[in-house]
């Protein structure tokens, strides 16, 4: 229904809501924080005051420490090191903010205020919002975690793992099953194994038009008259169904860097490793490494066990890890090796590159992922990434949603779906 300007003005002036200028000041006050109270001359009440207090405890006054650990000066933020006050704060932010914001604030609290050690208390873990970054922090504290906390920590990790599996498993299975079926088709099938539908489609370019038969001759022979030319498809290339087999069609080796910067990638790789291991047409091996190499393949039935079998932190020896993986390859032409690492190599660089070249020369499909996470562009060793690219193993960051497509392309031995290819090293 239309309304006159006068009606609009009357409704604006009489409606029981905050005047526009006051609302604008309220928003600016919330954005700028407690230090802006004098300049905005705006006092907060109710839920606004509670939200402002929660934000000020973490970010107020420039206090605490920056994520890089350097003191920022000024007064400290208001959480302190008191477990009860932190628990109350965690409850407050879950009340006032959406889950995605809560996860960011928790991460900032751990980084800025050094609250990681408080996560060793069961009561604290029960108050947090589980996410991939929290799992990474818990794994880094694994060795220092008391027995009273471990069960609670496992429950937190399991919730995150189950959420990831629910999001990723179905598409991974569908994508890779299709890739495996396509890669299993044979080009010289027996007659009973020919896939006629795909064979005809593949050979339509070889369609030949045959001369029209003589109408009189055809009528004498068959008793009917036929007109018009006919044609045929010449099947120069036959496509057959792959024979089903109980043995694995492809061997997958996930070689995962467990240095501290790769925490989110380790979580996602463990979940994908468990999904791949549950597919009977794949033989999956999971290897994690820092300066030592650990084979966690026998724990792949439970990604939580895998995660608690890792030890985030320490140095990096990619060459040693690849040497172990190379020693376990028995069918190079049917093997895909996925190296997940930021490529900051502490081992022998030239030997690492020689191993990659040797694996590729033997027929192995080699994939290098600088990260397997949703965290955006990672930090990585550009020189090593460029060297791998020169060997035909381009290094790029991969999101969990893209990973099934990357694996499908590797299985089918076609170009990898590299995002923003023009910006890759």
Protein backbone atom coordinates (compact mmCIF):
# COMPACT_ATOMS: atom_id res chain seq x y z
CA UNK A 1 0.00 0.00 0.00
CA UNK A 2 1.40 3.42 -0.92
CA UNK A 3 1.97 6.10 1.69
CA UNK A 4 2.45 9.87 1.56
CA UNK A 5 5.64 11.60 2.76
CA UNK A 6 3.66 13.03 5.62
CA UNK A 7 2.58 9.57 6.78
CA UNK A 8 6.18 8.37 6.57
CA UNK A 9 7.44 11.27 8.69
CA UNK A 10 4.73 10.78 11.28
CA UNK A 11 5.49 7.05 11.57
CA UNK A 12 9.21 7.79 11.91
CA UNK A 13 8.77 10.34 14.67
CA UNK A 14 6.21 8.42 16.68
CA UNK A 15 7.58 4.86 16.37
CA UNK A 16 9.08 3.64 19.65
CA UNK A 17 12.66 3.03 18.48
CA UNK A 18 16.08 4.62 18.88
CA UNK A 19 16.54 7.87 16.88
CA UNK A 20 18.86 7.47 13.85
CA UNK A 21 21.69 9.59 15.31
CA UNK A 22 21.66 7.73 18.61
CA UNK A 23 21.63 4.38 16.79
CA UNK A 24 24.59 5.47 14.69
CA UNK A 25 26.53 6.45 17.83
CA UNK A 26 25.64 3.15 19.46
CA UNK A 27 27.03 1.22 16.48
CA UNK A 28 30.21 3.29 16.40
CA UNK A 29 30.63 2.79 20.15
CA UNK A 30 30.34 -1.00 19.69
CA UNK A 31 32.83 -0.98 16.80
CA UNK A 32 35.43 1.29 18.43
CA UNK A 33 35.33 -0.30 21.89
CA UNK A 34 35.50 0.99 25.44
CA UNK A 35 38.30 3.46 24.69
CA UNK A 36 35.87 5.42 22.49
CA UNK A 37 33.29 5.97 25.25
CA UNK A 38 34.30 9.60 25.83
CA UNK A 39 34.41 10.56 22.15
CA UNK A 40 31.03 9.03 21.32
CA UNK A 41 29.40 10.08 24.60
CA UNK A 42 27.35 6.92 24.39
CA UNK A 43 26.69 4.61 27.33
CA UNK A 44 25.83 0.98 26.64
CA UNK A 45 23.20 -0.95 28.55
CA UNK A 46 21.79 -4.46 28.67
CA UNK A 47 23.04 -6.93 26.08
CA UNK A 48 25.13 -4.25 24.34
CA UNK A 49 27.08 -3.72 27.56
CA UNK A 50 27.57 -7.45 28.06
CA UNK A 51 28.85 -7.92 24.49
CA UNK A 52 31.15 -4.93 24.87
CA UNK A 53 32.53 -6.33 28.11
CA UNK A 54 33.29 -9.70 26.49
CA UNK A 55 35.07 -8.03 23.59
CA UNK A 56 36.96 -5.64 25.85
CA UNK A 57 38.22 -8.52 28.01
CA UNK A 58 39.99 -9.95 24.97
CA UNK A 59 40.82 -6.94 22.80
CA UNK A 60 40.44 -3.93 25.10
CA UNK A 61 43.14 -1.33 25.55
CA UNK A 62 45.56 -3.05 23.15
CA UNK A 63 46.53 -5.15 26.15
CA UNK A 64 47.97 -8.61 26.40
CA UNK A 65 50.18 -9.93 23.66
CA UNK A 66 49.94 -9.86 19.93
CA UNK A 67 49.69 -13.21 18.12
CA UNK A 68 53.43 -13.09 17.53
CA UNK A 69 53.99 -13.04 21.27
CA UNK A 70 55.38 -9.49 21.58
CA UNK A 71 54.04 -7.27 24.34
CA UNK A 72 51.82 -4.47 23.01
CA UNK A 73 52.15 -2.26 26.06
CA UNK A 74 49.28 -0.58 27.85
CA UNK A 75 46.98 -2.28 30.26
CA UNK A 76 46.37 -5.97 29.97
CA UNK A 77 43.12 -7.50 28.77
CA UNK A 78 40.62 -8.56 31.37
CA UNK A 79 40.63 -12.37 31.36
CA UNK A 80 43.76 -12.86 33.40
CA UNK A 81 44.76 -16.44 34.10
CA UNK A 82 41.79 -17.34 36.24
CA UNK A 83 40.02 -20.49 35.08
CA UNK A 84 36.64 -19.48 36.54
CA UNK A 85 36.70 -16.05 34.86
CA UNK A 86 37.72 -17.61 31.54
CA UNK A 87 34.94 -20.19 31.82
CA UNK A 88 32.41 -17.42 32.43
CA UNK A 89 33.79 -15.47 29.48
CA UNK A 90 33.51 -18.53 27.21
CA UNK A 91 29.90 -18.92 28.26
CA UNK A 92 29.21 -15.25 27.59
CA UNK A 93 30.60 -15.22 24.06
CA UNK A 94 28.61 -18.35 23.17
CA UNK A 95 25.50 -16.52 24.38
CA UNK A 96 26.04 -13.28 22.48
CA UNK A 97 27.86 -14.28 19.26
CA UNK A 98 27.33 -16.83 16.45
CA UNK A 99 29.45 -19.98 16.39
CA UNK A 100 31.80 -18.74 13.65
CA UNK A 101 32.63 -15.60 15.68
CA UNK A 102 33.03 -17.63 18.88
CA UNK A 103 35.65 -19.82 17.20
CA UNK A 104 37.64 -16.77 16.08
CA UNK A 105 37.51 -15.21 19.56
CA UNK A 106 38.60 -18.48 21.20
CA UNK A 107 41.55 -18.72 18.83
CA UNK A 108 42.53 -15.11 19.54
CA UNK A 109 42.27 -15.72 23.30
CA UNK A 110 44.65 -18.67 23.04
CA UNK A 111 47.10 -16.71 20.87
CA UNK A 112 46.94 -13.30 22.58
CA UNK A 113 46.57 -14.27 26.21
CA UNK A 114 48.40 -17.59 26.42
CA UNK A 115 45.36 -19.54 27.59
CA UNK A 116 46.40 -22.84 26.02
CA UNK A 117 47.42 -24.35 29.36
CA UNK A 118 43.92 -23.72 30.73
CA UNK A 119 42.61 -26.15 28.11
CA UNK A 120 44.25 -28.91 30.14
CA UNK A 121 41.36 -28.59 32.60
CA UNK A 122 38.24 -30.70 31.80
CA UNK A 123 35.85 -27.94 32.93
CA UNK A 124 37.44 -25.54 30.47
CA UNK A 125 37.20 -27.96 27.54
CA UNK A 126 33.52 -28.49 28.21
CA UNK A 127 32.93 -24.74 27.83
CA UNK A 128 34.66 -24.20 24.49
CA UNK A 129 33.20 -24.31 20.98
CA UNK A 130 34.91 -27.23 19.16
CA UNK A 131 36.57 -26.46 15.82
CA UNK A 132 39.58 -27.52 13.75
CA UNK A 133 41.88 -24.90 15.29
CA UNK A 134 40.99 -25.99 18.82
CA UNK A 135 41.79 -29.59 17.86
CA UNK A 136 45.21 -28.45 16.64
CA UNK A 137 45.86 -26.74 19.98
CA UNK A 138 44.78 -29.85 21.92
CA UNK A 139 47.04 -32.06 19.82
CA UNK A 140 50.00 -29.78 20.50
CA UNK A 141 49.27 -30.18 24.24
CA UNK A 142 48.73 -33.92 23.99
CA UNK A 143 51.92 -35.01 25.74
CA UNK A 144 51.36 -32.57 28.61
CA UNK A 145 47.69 -33.46 29.04
CA UNK A 146 46.79 -35.12 32.36
CA UNK A 147 44.76 -38.33 32.31
CA UNK A 148 41.77 -36.54 33.84
CA UNK A 149 41.56 -34.32 30.77
CA UNK A 150 42.25 -36.81 27.97
CA UNK A 151 38.75 -38.29 27.79
CA UNK A 152 37.19 -34.83 27.59
CA UNK A 153 39.74 -33.84 24.94
CA UNK A 154 38.94 -36.96 22.90
CA UNK A 155 35.25 -36.11 23.08
CA UNK A 156 35.96 -32.60 21.76
CA UNK A 157 38.15 -33.97 18.96
CA UNK A 158 35.59 -36.65 18.07
CA UNK A 159 32.83 -34.06 17.66
CA UNK A 160 34.95 -32.06 15.21
CA UNK A 161 35.94 -35.23 13.32
CA UNK A 162 32.34 -36.42 13.05
CA UNK A 163 31.25 -33.01 11.75
CA UNK A 164 33.99 -33.10 9.11
CA UNK A 165 33.15 -36.66 8.09
CA UNK A 166 29.47 -35.76 7.71
CA UNK A 167 30.44 -32.88 5.42
CA UNK A 168 33.14 -34.57 3.38
CA UNK A 169 32.59 -38.32 3.25
CA UNK A 170 29.67 -38.63 0.82
CA UNK A 171 31.16 -36.43 -1.89
CA UNK A 172 34.59 -38.01 -1.53
CA UNK A 173 33.17 -41.51 -1.99
CA UNK A 174 31.02 -40.51 -4.97
CA UNK A 175 33.79 -38.60 -6.75
CA UNK A 176 36.49 -41.24 -6.26
CA UNK A 177 34.22 -44.19 -7.08
CA UNK A 178 33.44 -42.58 -10.42
CA UNK A 179 37.12 -41.91 -11.08
CA UNK A 180 38.06 -45.48 -10.21
CA UNK A 181 35.36 -46.88 -12.51
CA UNK A 182 36.52 -44.72 -15.40
CA UNK A 183 40.17 -45.58 -14.87
CA UNK A 184 39.30 -49.28 -14.83
CA UNK A 185 37.79 -49.30 -18.33
CA UNK A 186 39.89 -51.21 -20.85
CA UNK A 187 40.66 -50.22 -24.45
CA UNK A 188 41.00 -53.74 -25.93
CA UNK A 189 38.00 -55.57 -24.50
CA UNK A 190 36.65 -58.96 -25.42
CA UNK A 191 33.39 -58.89 -27.33
CA UNK A 192 31.25 -59.60 -24.24
CA UNK A 193 33.02 -56.82 -22.29
CA UNK A 194 32.40 -54.03 -24.82
CA UNK A 195 30.54 -51.00 -23.47
CA UNK A 196 28.56 -50.33 -26.66
CA UNK A 197 27.01 -47.07 -25.51
CA UNK A 198 30.37 -45.44 -24.77
CA UNK A 199 32.00 -47.05 -27.81
CA UNK A 200 29.40 -45.58 -30.16
CA UNK A 201 29.69 -42.14 -28.53
CA UNK A 202 33.48 -42.22 -28.81
CA UNK A 203 33.35 -43.15 -32.51
CA UNK A 204 30.60 -40.88 -33.84
CA UNK A 205 33.27 -38.92 -35.72
CA UNK A 206 33.88 -42.10 -37.72
CA UNK A 207 30.32 -42.18 -39.13
CA UNK A 208 30.28 -43.24 -42.79
CA UNK A 209 27.39 -42.65 -45.18
CA UNK A 210 26.71 -45.66 -47.41
CA UNK A 211 25.43 -45.35 -50.99
CA UNK A 212 21.66 -45.61 -51.38
CA UNK A 213 20.64 -49.04 -52.72
CA UNK A 214 18.97 -49.36 -56.13
CA UNK A 215 15.22 -48.97 -55.52
CA UNK A 216 14.11 -51.45 -58.19
CA UNK A 217 16.56 -54.14 -57.10
CA UNK A 218 15.58 -53.72 -53.46
CA UNK A 219 11.88 -53.99 -54.29
CA UNK A 220 12.44 -57.20 -56.29
CA UNK A 221 14.46 -58.79 -53.51
CA UNK A 222 12.52 -57.75 -50.41
CA UNK A 223 9.14 -56.85 -51.77
CA UNK A 224 9.43 -53.31 -50.35
CA UNK A 225 10.88 -50.12 -51.72
CA UNK A 226 13.55 -48.26 -49.68
CA UNK A 227 14.75 -44.75 -50.35
CA UNK A 228 17.49 -42.58 -48.89
CA UNK A 229 21.10 -43.23 -47.92
CA UNK A 230 22.13 -45.23 -44.85
CA UNK A 231 25.25 -45.08 -42.71
CA UNK A 232 27.33 -46.87 -40.11
CA UNK A 233 29.71 -46.06 -37.27
CA UNK A 234 33.18 -47.54 -37.71
CA UNK A 235 34.39 -48.50 -34.18
CA UNK A 236 38.07 -47.65 -34.48
CA UNK A 237 38.35 -47.52 -30.66
CA UNK A 238 36.55 -50.02 -28.46
CA UNK A 239 35.75 -49.18 -24.85
CA UNK A 240 35.15 -52.00 -22.43
CA UNK A 241 33.96 -52.42 -18.88
CA UNK A 242 36.72 -53.04 -16.39
CA UNK A 243 36.41 -56.45 -14.80
CA UNK A 244 35.52 -56.31 -11.14
CA UNK A 245 38.27 -57.34 -8.80
CA UNK A 246 38.53 -57.91 -5.09
CA UNK A 247 41.99 -56.37 -5.05
CA UNK A 248 42.54 -52.61 -4.70
CA UNK A 249 42.62 -50.69 -7.97
CA UNK A 250 44.84 -47.89 -6.64
CA UNK A 251 47.34 -47.40 -3.82
CA UNK A 252 47.14 -44.05 -2.02
CA UNK A 253 49.96 -42.74 0.19
CA UNK A 254 49.22 -39.66 2.29
CA UNK A 255 52.50 -38.18 3.56
CA UNK A 256 51.62 -35.43 6.06
CA UNK A 257 53.89 -32.84 7.65
CA UNK A 258 53.02 -32.60 11.36
CA UNK A 259 55.02 -29.48 12.16
CA UNK A 260 53.10 -26.95 14.24
CA UNK A 261 52.05 -24.75 11.30
CA UNK A 262 50.27 -27.69 9.63
CA UNK A 263 47.76 -28.39 12.43
CA UNK A 264 44.58 -27.84 10.40
CA UNK A 265 45.99 -29.88 7.50
CA UNK A 266 46.77 -32.78 9.84
CA UNK A 267 43.16 -32.80 11.08
CA UNK A 268 41.68 -32.83 7.58
CA UNK A 269 44.21 -35.36 6.28
CA UNK A 270 43.33 -37.75 9.12
CA UNK A 271 39.64 -37.54 8.27
CA UNK A 272 40.26 -38.06 4.56
CA UNK A 273 42.65 -40.90 5.34
CA UNK A 274 39.92 -42.70 7.29
CA UNK A 275 37.40 -42.16 4.47
CA UNK A 276 39.82 -43.45 1.81
CA UNK A 277 40.78 -46.44 3.97
CA UNK A 278 37.12 -47.46 4.19
CA UNK A 279 36.91 -47.81 0.38
CA UNK A 280 37.74 -51.40 -0.60
CA UNK A 281 38.93 -50.36 -4.06
CA UNK A 282 41.71 -48.28 -2.50
CA UNK A 283 44.70 -49.31 -0.43
CA UNK A 284 45.51 -46.30 1.76
CA UNK A 285 48.61 -45.58 3.81
CA UNK A 286 48.98 -42.61 6.16
CA UNK A 287 52.46 -41.43 7.11
CA UNK A 288 53.11 -38.40 9.36
CA UNK A 289 56.49 -36.86 9.90
CA UNK A 290 58.57 -34.12 11.48
CA UNK A 291 62.24 -35.11 11.89
CA UNK A 292 60.98 -38.66 12.53
CA UNK A 293 58.55 -40.73 10.46
CA UNK A 294 55.50 -42.52 11.90
CA UNK A 295 53.24 -44.88 9.94
CA UNK A 296 49.67 -44.59 11.30
CA UNK A 297 48.03 -46.84 8.71
CA UNK A 298 46.91 -49.43 11.27
CA UNK A 299 44.90 -46.73 13.10
CA UNK A 300 42.98 -45.44 10.08
CA UNK A 301 39.74 -47.06 11.18
CA UNK A 302 39.44 -44.27 13.78
CA UNK A 303 40.69 -40.78 12.82
CA UNK A 304 40.61 -39.73 16.48
CA UNK A 305 43.23 -42.38 17.27
CA UNK A 306 45.21 -41.11 14.28
CA UNK A 307 45.13 -37.54 15.57
CA UNK A 308 46.23 -38.52 19.05
CA UNK A 309 49.02 -40.52 17.43
CA UNK A 310 50.48 -37.34 15.94
CA UNK A 311 52.80 -34.94 17.73
CA UNK A 312 52.50 -31.42 16.38
CA UNK A 313 55.66 -29.32 16.48
CA UNK A 314 59.33 -29.98 15.93
CA UNK A 315 61.41 -29.82 12.77
CA UNK A 316 60.82 -31.17 9.27
CA UNK A 317 62.63 -33.84 7.25
CA UNK A 318 60.67 -34.32 4.03
CA UNK A 319 63.45 -36.34 2.42
CA UNK A 320 63.32 -38.99 5.15
CA UNK A 321 59.53 -39.19 4.94
CA UNK A 322 59.58 -39.60 1.16
CA UNK A 323 62.29 -42.26 1.44
CA UNK A 324 59.98 -44.27 3.71
CA UNK A 325 57.00 -43.81 1.38
CA UNK A 326 59.08 -44.77 -1.65
CA UNK A 327 60.16 -47.99 0.07
CA UNK A 328 56.49 -49.00 0.49
CA UNK A 329 55.51 -48.56 -3.17
CA UNK A 330 54.97 -51.89 -4.96
CA UNK A 331 52.81 -50.81 -7.92
CA UNK A 332 54.17 -47.47 -9.16
CA UNK A 333 51.79 -47.16 -12.12
CA UNK A 334 48.80 -47.58 -9.79
CA UNK A 335 50.06 -45.40 -6.93
CA UNK A 336 49.20 -41.83 -5.96
CA UNK A 337 51.51 -40.13 -3.42
CA UNK A 338 50.13 -36.98 -1.78
CA UNK A 339 52.70 -34.87 0.07
CA UNK A 340 51.02 -32.34 2.38
CA UNK A 341 53.65 -29.89 3.58
CA UNK A 342 54.65 -26.22 3.59
CA UNK A 343 57.99 -27.48 2.15
CA UNK A 344 60.24 -25.87 4.76
CA UNK A 345 62.75 -28.69 4.47
CA UNK A 346 65.22 -29.36 7.26
CA UNK A 347 66.66 -32.45 5.57
CA UNK A 348 68.61 -32.85 2.35
CA UNK A 349 66.92 -30.74 -0.32
CA UNK A 350 68.59 -32.26 -3.38
CA UNK A 351 67.85 -35.79 -2.19
CA UNK A 352 64.21 -34.86 -1.66
CA UNK A 353 63.90 -33.60 -5.24
CA UNK A 354 65.69 -36.69 -6.59
CA UNK A 355 63.20 -38.94 -4.82
CA UNK A 356 60.25 -37.08 -6.28
CA UNK A 357 61.80 -37.30 -9.77
CA UNK A 358 62.47 -41.03 -9.34
CA UNK A 359 58.90 -41.73 -8.21
CA UNK A 360 57.44 -39.82 -11.13
CA UNK A 361 59.76 -41.58 -13.58
CA UNK A 362 58.54 -44.95 -12.27
CA UNK A 363 54.91 -44.01 -13.00
CA UNK A 364 53.79 -42.69 -9.61
CA UNK A 365 51.26 -39.83 -9.65
CA UNK A 366 52.78 -37.28 -7.27
CA UNK A 367 50.67 -34.49 -5.75
CA UNK A 368 52.04 -31.70 -3.54
CA UNK A 369 49.60 -29.79 -1.33
CA UNK A 370 50.96 -26.78 0.56
CA UNK A 371 47.95 -26.98 2.88
CA UNK A 372 44.73 -28.96 3.21
CA UNK A 373 42.52 -26.48 5.02
CA UNK A 374 40.12 -23.54 4.70
CA UNK A 375 42.63 -21.06 6.10
CA UNK A 376 43.46 -19.29 2.85
CA UNK A 377 46.89 -18.75 1.31
CA UNK A 378 49.54 -20.54 3.41
CA UNK A 379 53.15 -19.59 4.10
CA UNK A 380 55.51 -21.96 2.26
CA UNK A 381 58.99 -22.32 0.80
CA UNK A 382 58.66 -20.79 -2.67
CA UNK A 383 62.01 -22.11 -3.90
CA UNK A 384 61.13 -25.72 -3.12
CA UNK A 385 57.65 -25.28 -4.59
CA UNK A 386 59.12 -23.97 -7.84
CA UNK A 387 61.60 -26.87 -7.97
CA UNK A 388 58.79 -29.41 -7.58
CA UNK A 389 56.79 -27.61 -10.26
CA UNK A 390 59.75 -27.96 -12.63
CA UNK A 391 59.61 -31.73 -12.02
CA UNK A 392 55.96 -31.83 -13.05
CA UNK A 393 54.62 -31.88 -9.48
CA UNK A 394 53.10 -28.41 -9.03
CA UNK A 395 52.57 -27.38 -5.41
CA UNK A 396 49.34 -25.61 -4.44
CA UNK A 397 47.04 -25.08 -1.49
CA UNK A 398 43.86 -27.15 -1.45
CA UNK A 399 40.60 -26.76 0.45
CA UNK A 400 38.85 -29.84 1.87
CA UNK A 401 36.01 -29.35 -0.64
CA UNK A 402 38.46 -29.47 -3.57
CA UNK A 403 40.42 -32.49 -2.33
CA UNK A 404 38.09 -35.18 -3.83
CA UNK A 405 38.45 -33.57 -7.28
CA UNK A 406 42.24 -33.45 -6.93
CA UNK A 407 42.35 -37.13 -6.00
CA UNK A 408 39.98 -38.08 -8.84
CA UNK A 409 42.21 -36.29 -11.36
CA UNK A 410 45.32 -38.02 -9.98
CA UNK A 411 43.64 -41.43 -10.14
CA UNK A 412 42.60 -40.85 -13.76
CA UNK A 413 46.03 -39.39 -14.62
CA UNK A 414 44.63 -36.15 -15.97
CA UNK A 415 45.63 -32.53 -15.20
CA UNK A 416 45.02 -31.52 -11.60
CA UNK A 417 42.33 -28.88 -10.92
CA UNK A 418 44.77 -26.28 -9.55
CA UNK A 419 42.96 -23.18 -8.22
CA UNK A 420 44.20 -19.82 -9.53
CA UNK A 421 46.76 -21.60 -11.64
CA UNK A 422 48.29 -18.37 -12.90
CA UNK A 423 49.29 -17.47 -9.32
CA UNK A 424 50.89 -20.81 -8.49
CA UNK A 425 54.68 -21.06 -8.14
